[in-house]
Amino acid sequence: MADQKRALKTMRRWAEDDCEHVRRLASEGSRPRLPWGMRLPSLVADPSPAAPILEALKGDEALYVRKSVANHLNDITKDHPEWVVERLEGWDLRDDRQSWIAKHACRTLIKRGHPRALQLFGFAEGADVEAMLTLSPTSLSLGQRLGLSATVISTARNPQRLVIDYLIHYVKASGGSAAKVFKWTETELQSGEKLELSKTQVIRDFTTRKHYPGNHKVELQINGQRVASAAFDLS
């Protein structure tokens, strides 16, 4: 921003506007890593000047606005995870609107197994489980559907809340791999309780992802801890 202080002061007024589009603009306009706009290096380095805008919008009645606030905070987690979690720890998460924003703001941190982010929503760091992951088919061509099946048994003495994700290690053109985390489900298991999960995913190219042939590792992740793995070959 050419004049950040004045721009943020204006956006802070926008955050109180009657129009939800203007309120959303206050959040989008101050996002440090807006995908369709310029990166704001000064706010990437220090997000605190935009904090009053986020605080003003944390209970906004419009989902349209709340999504922007959550995305804004998720942007900040990439550079200042502790700053975001500490701020959210001061929110009233019994309020549905604030809780919704906080959960979506921490989606990247939860996938990474960030301890304070997990704790904020009642998940322990890691999980006491036995788990198995199977894939079908284990050899497929581009455009086919991959089936994933998981079995999770709680070995904890007490009930435990679990956030279950899976990672696909996509083969890159260089021959290496890069992992992509996908959300599966959240649940609570009693001691000794068994959970069976299944889902399918089409393996096809997107504008943001091109697939390359080779062996693709898949891992089951629970509360940030990788607990089982399998693999498939893509031809």
C-alpha atoms as a PDB file:
ATOM      1  CA  MET A   1       0.000   0.000   0.000  1.00  0.00           C
ATOM      2  CA  ALA A   2       1.293   3.470  -0.848  1.00  0.00           C
ATOM      3  CA  ASP A   3      -0.245   4.918   2.329  1.00  0.00           C
ATOM      4  CA  GLN A   4      -0.926   1.923   4.566  1.00  0.00           C
ATOM      5  CA  LYS A   5      -1.905   3.813   7.688  1.00  0.00           C
ATOM      6  CA  ARG A   6      -4.590   5.855   5.963  1.00  0.00           C
ATOM      7  CA  ALA A   7      -5.797   2.905   3.871  1.00  0.00           C
ATOM      8  CA  LEU A   8      -6.261   0.707   6.932  1.00  0.00           C
ATOM      9  CA  LYS A   9      -8.048   3.505   8.754  1.00  0.00           C
ATOM     10  CA  THR A  10     -10.506   3.710   5.849  1.00  0.00           C
ATOM     11  CA  MET A  11     -10.967  -0.076   5.806  1.00  0.00           C
ATOM     12  CA  ARG A  12     -11.643  -0.043   9.524  1.00  0.00           C
ATOM     13  CA  ARG A  13     -14.613   2.268   8.811  1.00  0.00           C
ATOM     14  CA  TRP A  14     -15.712  -0.063   6.008  1.00  0.00           C
ATOM     15  CA  ALA A  15     -15.847  -2.901   8.550  1.00  0.00           C
ATOM     16  CA  GLU A  16     -18.824  -1.124  10.180  1.00  0.00           C
ATOM     17  CA  ASP A  17     -20.697  -0.509   6.913  1.00  0.00           C
ATOM     18  CA  ASP A  18     -24.301  -1.708   6.506  1.00  0.00           C
ATOM     19  CA  CYS A  19     -23.405  -3.395   3.196  1.00  0.00           C
ATOM     20  CA  GLU A  20     -21.810  -6.825   3.509  1.00  0.00           C
ATOM     21  CA  HIS A  21     -19.885  -6.286   0.268  1.00  0.00           C
ATOM     22  CA  VAL A  22     -18.164  -3.239   1.759  1.00  0.00           C
ATOM     23  CA  ARG A  23     -17.432  -5.096   5.006  1.00  0.00           C
ATOM     24  CA  ARG A  24     -15.925  -7.962   3.027  1.00  0.00           C
ATOM     25  CA  LEU A  25     -13.797  -5.490   1.099  1.00  0.00           C
ATOM     26  CA  ALA A  26     -12.305  -4.339   4.402  1.00  0.00           C
ATOM     27  CA  SER A  27     -11.017  -7.873   5.004  1.00  0.00           C
ATOM     28  CA  GLU A  28     -10.065  -8.668   1.413  1.00  0.00           C
ATOM     29  CA  GLY A  29      -8.347  -5.321   0.917  1.00  0.00           C
ATOM     30  CA  SER A  30      -6.043  -5.881   3.883  1.00  0.00           C
ATOM     31  CA  ARG A  31      -5.257  -9.568   3.234  1.00  0.00           C
ATOM     32  CA  PRO A  32      -1.480 -10.000   3.064  1.00  0.00           C
ATOM     33  CA  ARG A  33      -1.534 -12.826   0.503  1.00  0.00           C
ATOM     34  CA  LEU A  34      -4.679 -12.182  -1.542  1.00  0.00           C
ATOM     35  CA  PRO A  35      -4.591 -14.788  -4.369  1.00  0.00           C
ATOM     36  CA  TRP A  36      -6.064 -12.495  -7.014  1.00  0.00           C
ATOM     37  CA  GLY A  37      -4.332  -9.279  -5.886  1.00  0.00           C
ATOM     38  CA  MET A  38      -1.000  -7.820  -4.926  1.00  0.00           C
ATOM     39  CA  ARG A  39       0.915  -9.270  -2.001  1.00  0.00           C
ATOM     40  CA  LEU A  40       1.288  -6.754   0.819  1.00  0.00           C
ATOM     41  CA  PRO A  41       4.867  -7.281   2.083  1.00  0.00           C
ATOM     42  CA  SER A  42       4.531  -5.013   5.115  1.00  0.00           C
ATOM     43  CA  LEU A  43       1.457  -6.939   6.356  1.00  0.00           C
ATOM     44  CA  VAL A  44       3.118 -10.260   5.552  1.00  0.00           C
ATOM     45  CA  ALA A  45       5.945  -9.159   7.839  1.00  0.00           C
ATOM     46  CA  ASP A  46       3.643  -7.741  10.545  1.00  0.00           C
ATOM     47  CA  PRO A  47      -0.115  -8.465  10.407  1.00  0.00           C
ATOM     48  CA  SER A  48      -0.956  -6.506  13.561  1.00  0.00           C
ATOM     49  CA  PRO A  49      -1.978  -3.232  11.796  1.00  0.00           C
ATOM     50  CA  ALA A  50      -4.924  -5.109  10.207  1.00  0.00           C
ATOM     51  CA  ALA A  51      -5.973  -6.736  13.506  1.00  0.00           C
ATOM     52  CA  PRO A  52      -8.654  -4.113  14.364  1.00  0.00           C
ATOM     53  CA  ILE A  53     -10.411  -4.901  11.074  1.00  0.00           C
ATOM     54  CA  LEU A  54     -10.445  -8.634  11.812  1.00  0.00           C
ATOM     55  CA  GLU A  55     -11.669  -8.053  15.351  1.00  0.00           C
ATOM     56  CA  ALA A  56     -14.514  -5.864  14.085  1.00  0.00           C
ATOM     57  CA  LEU A  57     -15.621  -8.605  11.669  1.00  0.00           C
ATOM     58  CA  LYS A  58     -15.150 -11.731  13.811  1.00  0.00           C
ATOM     59  CA  GLY A  59     -18.877 -11.970  14.591  1.00  0.00           C
ATOM     60  CA  ASP A  60     -20.212 -10.710  11.264  1.00  0.00           C
ATOM     61  CA  GLU A  61     -23.716 -11.902  10.418  1.00  0.00           C
ATOM     62  CA  ALA A  62     -22.824 -12.591   6.765  1.00  0.00           C
ATOM     63  CA  LEU A  63     -21.145 -15.897   5.900  1.00  0.00           C
ATOM     64  CA  TYR A  64     -19.759 -14.086   2.840  1.00  0.00           C
ATOM     65  CA  VAL A  65     -17.782 -11.833   5.180  1.00  0.00           C
ATOM     66  CA  ARG A  66     -16.833 -14.562   7.655  1.00  0.00           C
ATOM     67  CA  LYS A  67     -15.282 -16.621   4.855  1.00  0.00           C
ATOM     68  CA  SER A  68     -13.037 -13.681   3.973  1.00  0.00           C
ATOM     69  CA  VAL A  69     -11.961 -13.205   7.596  1.00  0.00           C
ATOM     70  CA  ALA A  70     -11.158 -16.924   7.883  1.00  0.00           C
ATOM     71  CA  ASN A  71      -9.141 -16.841   4.656  1.00  0.00           C
ATOM     72  CA  HIS A  72      -7.359 -13.693   5.816  1.00  0.00           C
ATOM     73  CA  LEU A  73      -6.320 -15.386   9.062  1.00  0.00           C
ATOM     74  CA  ASN A  74      -5.348 -18.565   7.217  1.00  0.00           C
ATOM     75  CA  ASP A  75      -3.034 -16.420   5.065  1.00  0.00           C
ATOM     76  CA  ILE A  76      -1.368 -15.118   8.205  1.00  0.00           C
ATOM     77  CA  THR A  77      -0.830 -18.644   9.608  1.00  0.00           C
ATOM     78  CA  LYS A  78       1.669 -19.254   6.803  1.00  0.00           C
ATOM     79  CA  ASP A  79       4.021 -16.672   8.331  1.00  0.00           C
ATOM     80  CA  HIS A  80       2.810 -16.114  11.912  1.00  0.00           C
ATOM     81  CA  PRO A  81       0.993 -19.215  13.197  1.00  0.00           C
ATOM     82  CA  GLU A  82       1.455 -18.366  16.870  1.00  0.00           C
ATOM     83  CA  TRP A  83       0.119 -14.831  16.320  1.00  0.00           C
ATOM     84  CA  VAL A  84      -3.102 -16.245  14.873  1.00  0.00           C
ATOM     85  CA  VAL A  85      -3.594 -18.981  17.477  1.00  0.00           C
ATOM     86  CA  GLU A  86      -2.923 -16.598  20.363  1.00  0.00           C
ATOM     87  CA  ARG A  87      -5.532 -14.187  18.993  1.00  0.00           C
ATOM     88  CA  LEU A  88      -8.108 -16.937  18.490  1.00  0.00           C
ATOM     89  CA  GLU A  89      -7.529 -18.222  22.007  1.00  0.00           C
ATOM     90  CA  GLY A  90      -8.982 -14.914  23.183  1.00  0.00           C
ATOM     91  CA  TRP A  91     -12.171 -15.287  21.110  1.00  0.00           C
ATOM     92  CA  ASP A  92     -15.449 -16.634  22.471  1.00  0.00           C
ATOM     93  CA  LEU A  93     -15.550 -19.964  20.631  1.00  0.00           C
ATOM     94  CA  ARG A  94     -18.950 -20.756  22.172  1.00  0.00           C
ATOM     95  CA  ASP A  95     -20.256 -18.202  19.663  1.00  0.00           C
ATOM     96  CA  ASP A  96     -21.086 -20.065  16.438  1.00  0.00           C
ATOM     97  CA  ARG A  97     -19.868 -17.265  14.167  1.00  0.00           C
ATOM     98  CA  GLN A  98     -16.523 -16.812  15.891  1.00  0.00           C
ATOM     99  CA  SER A  99     -16.044 -20.569  16.180  1.00  0.00           C
ATOM    100  CA  TRP A 100     -16.731 -21.054  12.455  1.00  0.00           C
ATOM    101  CA  ILE A 101     -14.157 -18.427  11.500  1.00  0.00           C
ATOM    102  CA  ALA A 102     -11.567 -19.803  13.915  1.00  0.00           C
ATOM    103  CA  LYS A 103     -11.942 -23.389  12.653  1.00  0.00           C
ATOM    104  CA  HIS A 104     -11.593 -22.392   9.010  1.00  0.00           C
ATOM    105  CA  ALA A 105      -8.739 -20.014   9.822  1.00  0.00           C
ATOM    106  CA  CYS A 106      -6.801 -22.908  11.387  1.00  0.00           C
ATOM    107  CA  ARG A 107      -7.432 -25.422   8.613  1.00  0.00           C
ATOM    108  CA  THR A 108      -3.822 -25.344   7.382  1.00  0.00           C
ATOM    109  CA  LEU A 109      -2.414 -25.506  10.915  1.00  0.00           C
ATOM    110  CA  ILE A 110      -4.644 -28.465  11.798  1.00  0.00           C
ATOM    111  CA  LYS A 111      -3.520 -30.339   8.686  1.00  0.00           C
ATOM    112  CA  ARG A 112       0.071 -29.696   9.781  1.00  0.00           C
ATOM    113  CA  GLY A 113      -0.625 -30.967  13.290  1.00  0.00           C
ATOM    114  CA  HIS A 114       0.077 -27.652  15.020  1.00  0.00           C
ATOM    115  CA  PRO A 115      -0.284 -28.472  18.755  1.00  0.00           C
ATOM    116  CA  ARG A 116      -1.964 -25.238  19.922  1.00  0.00           C
ATOM    117  CA  ALA A 117      -4.343 -25.183  16.959  1.00  0.00           C
ATOM    118  CA  LEU A 118      -5.375 -28.784  17.642  1.00  0.00           C
ATOM    119  CA  GLN A 119      -5.836 -28.044  21.333  1.00  0.00           C
ATOM    120  CA  LEU A 120      -7.975 -25.010  20.553  1.00  0.00           C
ATOM    121  CA  PHE A 121     -10.655 -27.336  19.138  1.00  0.00           C
ATOM    122  CA  GLY A 122     -10.323 -30.163  21.618  1.00  0.00           C
ATOM    123  CA  PHE A 123      -7.903 -32.402  19.707  1.00  0.00           C
ATOM    124  CA  ALA A 124      -4.791 -33.819  21.333  1.00  0.00           C
ATOM    125  CA  GLU A 125      -1.392 -33.678  19.653  1.00  0.00           C
ATOM    126  CA  GLY A 126      -1.191 -37.133  18.113  1.00  0.00           C
ATOM    127  CA  ALA A 127      -3.650 -39.937  18.842  1.00  0.00           C
ATOM    128  CA  ASP A 128      -3.725 -43.282  20.654  1.00  0.00           C
ATOM    129  CA  VAL A 129      -4.954 -45.499  17.836  1.00  0.00           C
ATOM    130  CA  GLU A 130      -4.305 -48.562  15.757  1.00  0.00           C
ATOM    131  CA  ALA A 131      -4.931 -47.838  12.088  1.00  0.00           C
ATOM    132  CA  MET A 132      -4.854 -49.479   8.684  1.00  0.00           C
ATOM    133  CA  LEU A 133      -5.180 -47.932   5.209  1.00  0.00           C
ATOM    134  CA  THR A 134      -5.943 -49.852   2.002  1.00  0.00           C
ATOM    135  CA  LEU A 135      -6.289 -48.646  -1.588  1.00  0.00           C
ATOM    136  CA  SER A 136      -8.192 -50.102  -4.551  1.00  0.00           C
ATOM    137  CA  PRO A 137      -7.085 -50.468  -7.242  1.00  0.00           C
ATOM    138  CA  THR A 138      -3.355 -50.252  -6.562  1.00  0.00           C
ATOM    139  CA  SER A 139      -2.627 -49.666 -10.260  1.00  0.00           C
ATOM    140  CA  LEU A 140      -4.661 -47.195 -12.267  1.00  0.00           C
ATOM    141  CA  SER A 141      -4.612 -44.818 -15.198  1.00  0.00           C
ATOM    142  CA  LEU A 142      -5.316 -41.112 -15.296  1.00  0.00           C
ATOM    143  CA  GLY A 143      -9.047 -40.472 -15.035  1.00  0.00           C
ATOM    144  CA  GLN A 144      -9.799 -43.562 -12.951  1.00  0.00           C
ATOM    145  CA  ARG A 145     -11.220 -43.488  -9.458  1.00  0.00           C
ATOM    146  CA  LEU A 146      -9.083 -44.445  -6.454  1.00  0.00           C
ATOM    147  CA  GLY A 147     -10.821 -46.047  -3.486  1.00  0.00           C
ATOM    148  CA  LEU A 148      -9.520 -45.471   0.043  1.00  0.00           C
ATOM    149  CA  SER A 149     -10.558 -47.534   3.067  1.00  0.00           C
ATOM    150  CA  ALA A 150      -9.371 -46.931   6.618  1.00  0.00           C
ATOM    151  CA  THR A 151      -9.853 -48.738   9.905  1.00  0.00           C
ATOM    152  CA  VAL A 152      -9.177 -46.850  13.133  1.00  0.00           C
ATOM    153  CA  ILE A 153      -9.353 -48.393  16.609  1.00  0.00           C
ATOM    154  CA  SER A 154      -9.006 -46.214  19.693  1.00  0.00           C
ATOM    155  CA  THR A 155      -6.423 -47.555  22.158  1.00  0.00           C
ATOM    156  CA  ALA A 156      -6.890 -44.661  24.604  1.00  0.00           C
ATOM    157  CA  ARG A 157      -8.338 -45.260  28.067  1.00  0.00           C
ATOM    158  CA  ASN A 158     -10.657 -42.265  27.703  1.00  0.00           C
ATOM    159  CA  PRO A 159     -12.734 -40.838  24.834  1.00  0.00           C
ATOM    160  CA  GLN A 160     -10.650 -38.904  22.306  1.00  0.00           C
ATOM    161  CA  ARG A 161     -11.530 -36.437  19.571  1.00  0.00           C
ATOM    162  CA  LEU A 162      -9.888 -37.159  16.248  1.00  0.00           C
ATOM    163  CA  VAL A 163      -9.360 -35.122  13.090  1.00  0.00           C
ATOM    164  CA  ILE A 164      -8.642 -37.552  10.270  1.00  0.00           C
ATOM    165  CA  ASP A 165      -6.926 -36.520   7.033  1.00  0.00           C
ATOM    166  CA  TYR A 166      -4.987 -38.259   4.292  1.00  0.00           C
ATOM    167  CA  LEU A 167      -1.987 -37.239   2.218  1.00  0.00           C
ATOM    168  CA  ILE A 168      -1.200 -38.143  -1.368  1.00  0.00           C
ATOM    169  CA  HIS A 169       2.460 -37.787  -2.303  1.00  0.00           C
ATOM    170  CA  TYR A 170       2.137 -36.752  -5.948  1.00  0.00           C
ATOM    171  CA  VAL A 171       5.022 -37.624  -8.251  1.00  0.00           C
ATOM    172  CA  LYS A 172       6.594 -34.522  -9.795  1.00  0.00           C
ATOM    173  CA  ALA A 173       8.113 -34.105 -13.255  1.00  0.00           C
ATOM    174  CA  SER A 174      11.567 -34.198 -11.639  1.00  0.00           C
ATOM    175  CA  GLY A 175      10.864 -37.636 -10.194  1.00  0.00           C
ATOM    176  CA  GLY A 176      10.504 -36.389  -6.633  1.00  0.00           C
ATOM    177  CA  SER A 177       7.197 -36.005  -4.836  1.00  0.00           C
ATOM    178  CA  ALA A 178       5.082 -33.357  -3.108  1.00  0.00           C
ATOM    179  CA  ALA A 179       2.417 -34.127  -0.515  1.00  0.00           C
ATOM    180  CA  LYS A 180      -1.107 -32.733  -0.648  1.00  0.00           C
ATOM    181  CA  VAL A 181      -3.287 -33.033   2.485  1.00  0.00           C
ATOM    182  CA  PHE A 182      -6.998 -33.798   2.086  1.00  0.00           C
ATOM    183  CA  LYS A 183      -9.582 -33.527   4.848  1.00  0.00           C
ATOM    184  CA  TRP A 184     -11.495 -36.726   5.613  1.00  0.00           C
ATOM    185  CA  THR A 185     -13.550 -36.401   8.803  1.00  0.00           C
ATOM    186  CA  GLU A 186     -13.700 -35.493  12.491  1.00  0.00           C
ATOM    187  CA  THR A 187     -15.040 -37.814  15.149  1.00  0.00           C
ATOM    188  CA  GLU A 188     -14.894 -38.881  18.784  1.00  0.00           C
ATOM    189  CA  LEU A 189     -14.087 -42.474  19.693  1.00  0.00           C
ATOM    190  CA  GLN A 190     -14.619 -44.228  22.983  1.00  0.00           C
ATOM    191  CA  SER A 191     -11.960 -46.524  24.395  1.00  0.00           C
ATOM    192  CA  GLY A 192     -11.698 -49.594  22.156  1.00  0.00           C
ATOM    193  CA  GLU A 193     -14.191 -48.227  19.621  1.00  0.00           C
ATOM    194  CA  LYS A 194     -13.623 -49.094  15.966  1.00  0.00           C
ATOM    195  CA  LEU A 195     -14.269 -46.753  13.028  1.00  0.00           C
ATOM    196  CA  GLU A 196     -14.502 -47.833   9.384  1.00  0.00           C
ATOM    197  CA  LEU A 197     -14.123 -45.163   6.701  1.00  0.00           C
ATOM    198  CA  SER A 198     -14.234 -45.268   2.915  1.00  0.00           C
ATOM    199  CA  LYS A 199     -14.210 -42.774   0.086  1.00  0.00           C
ATOM    200  CA  THR A 200     -13.151 -42.415  -3.540  1.00  0.00           C
ATOM    201  CA  GLN A 201     -11.179 -39.792  -5.411  1.00  0.00           C
ATOM    202  CA  VAL A 202     -10.776 -39.361  -9.165  1.00  0.00           C
ATOM    203  CA  ILE A 203      -7.136 -39.071 -10.203  1.00  0.00           C
ATOM    204  CA  ARG A 204      -7.214 -36.522 -12.996  1.00  0.00           C
ATOM    205  CA  ASP A 205      -5.386 -33.389 -14.081  1.00  0.00           C
ATOM    206  CA  PHE A 206      -6.456 -29.923 -12.960  1.00  0.00           C
ATOM    207  CA  THR A 207      -5.238 -26.500 -14.003  1.00  0.00           C
ATOM    208  CA  THR A 208      -3.389 -26.419 -10.675  1.00  0.00           C
ATOM    209  CA  ARG A 209      -2.078 -30.005 -10.700  1.00  0.00           C
ATOM    210  CA  LYS A 210      -0.613 -32.207 -13.417  1.00  0.00           C
ATOM    211  CA  HIS A 211      -0.097 -35.882 -12.686  1.00  0.00           C
ATOM    212  CA  TYR A 212       2.970 -37.885 -13.634  1.00  0.00           C
ATOM    213  CA  PRO A 213       3.335 -41.672 -13.782  1.00  0.00           C
ATOM    214  CA  GLY A 214       4.979 -43.522 -10.929  1.00  0.00           C
ATOM    215  CA  ASN A 215       4.449 -44.837  -7.431  1.00  0.00           C
ATOM    216  CA  HIS A 216       2.288 -42.544  -5.276  1.00  0.00           C
ATOM    217  CA  LYS A 217       2.440 -42.954  -1.499  1.00  0.00           C
ATOM    218  CA  VAL A 218      -0.770 -42.292   0.485  1.00  0.00           C
ATOM    219  CA  GLU A 219      -0.709 -41.728   4.250  1.00  0.00           C
ATOM    220  CA  LEU A 220      -3.456 -41.634   6.868  1.00  0.00           C
ATOM    221  CA  GLN A 221      -3.000 -38.760   9.311  1.00  0.00           C
ATOM    222  CA  ILE A 222      -4.803 -38.431  12.655  1.00  0.00           C
ATOM    223  CA  ASN A 223      -4.381 -35.349  14.846  1.00  0.00           C
ATOM    224  CA  GLY A 224      -1.338 -34.421  12.800  1.00  0.00           C
ATOM    225  CA  GLN A 225       0.307 -37.827  13.256  1.00  0.00           C
ATOM    226  CA  ARG A 226       0.852 -40.151  10.289  1.00  0.00           C
ATOM    227  CA  VAL A 227      -0.383 -43.556  11.400  1.00  0.00           C
ATOM    228  CA  ALA A 228      -0.712 -45.777   8.293  1.00  0.00           C
ATOM    229  CA  SER A 229       0.306 -45.816   4.642  1.00  0.00           C
ATOM    230  CA  ALA A 230      -0.277 -47.542   1.321  1.00  0.00           C
ATOM    231  CA  ALA A 231       0.615 -46.812  -2.314  1.00  0.00           C
ATOM    232  CA  PHE A 232      -0.712 -46.943  -5.840  1.00  0.00           C
ATOM    233  CA  ASP A 233       0.978 -46.918  -9.239  1.00  0.00           C
ATOM    234  CA  LEU A 234      -0.187 -44.425 -11.848  1.00  0.00           C
ATOM    235  CA  SER A 235       0.480 -45.282 -15.481  1.00  0.00           C
END
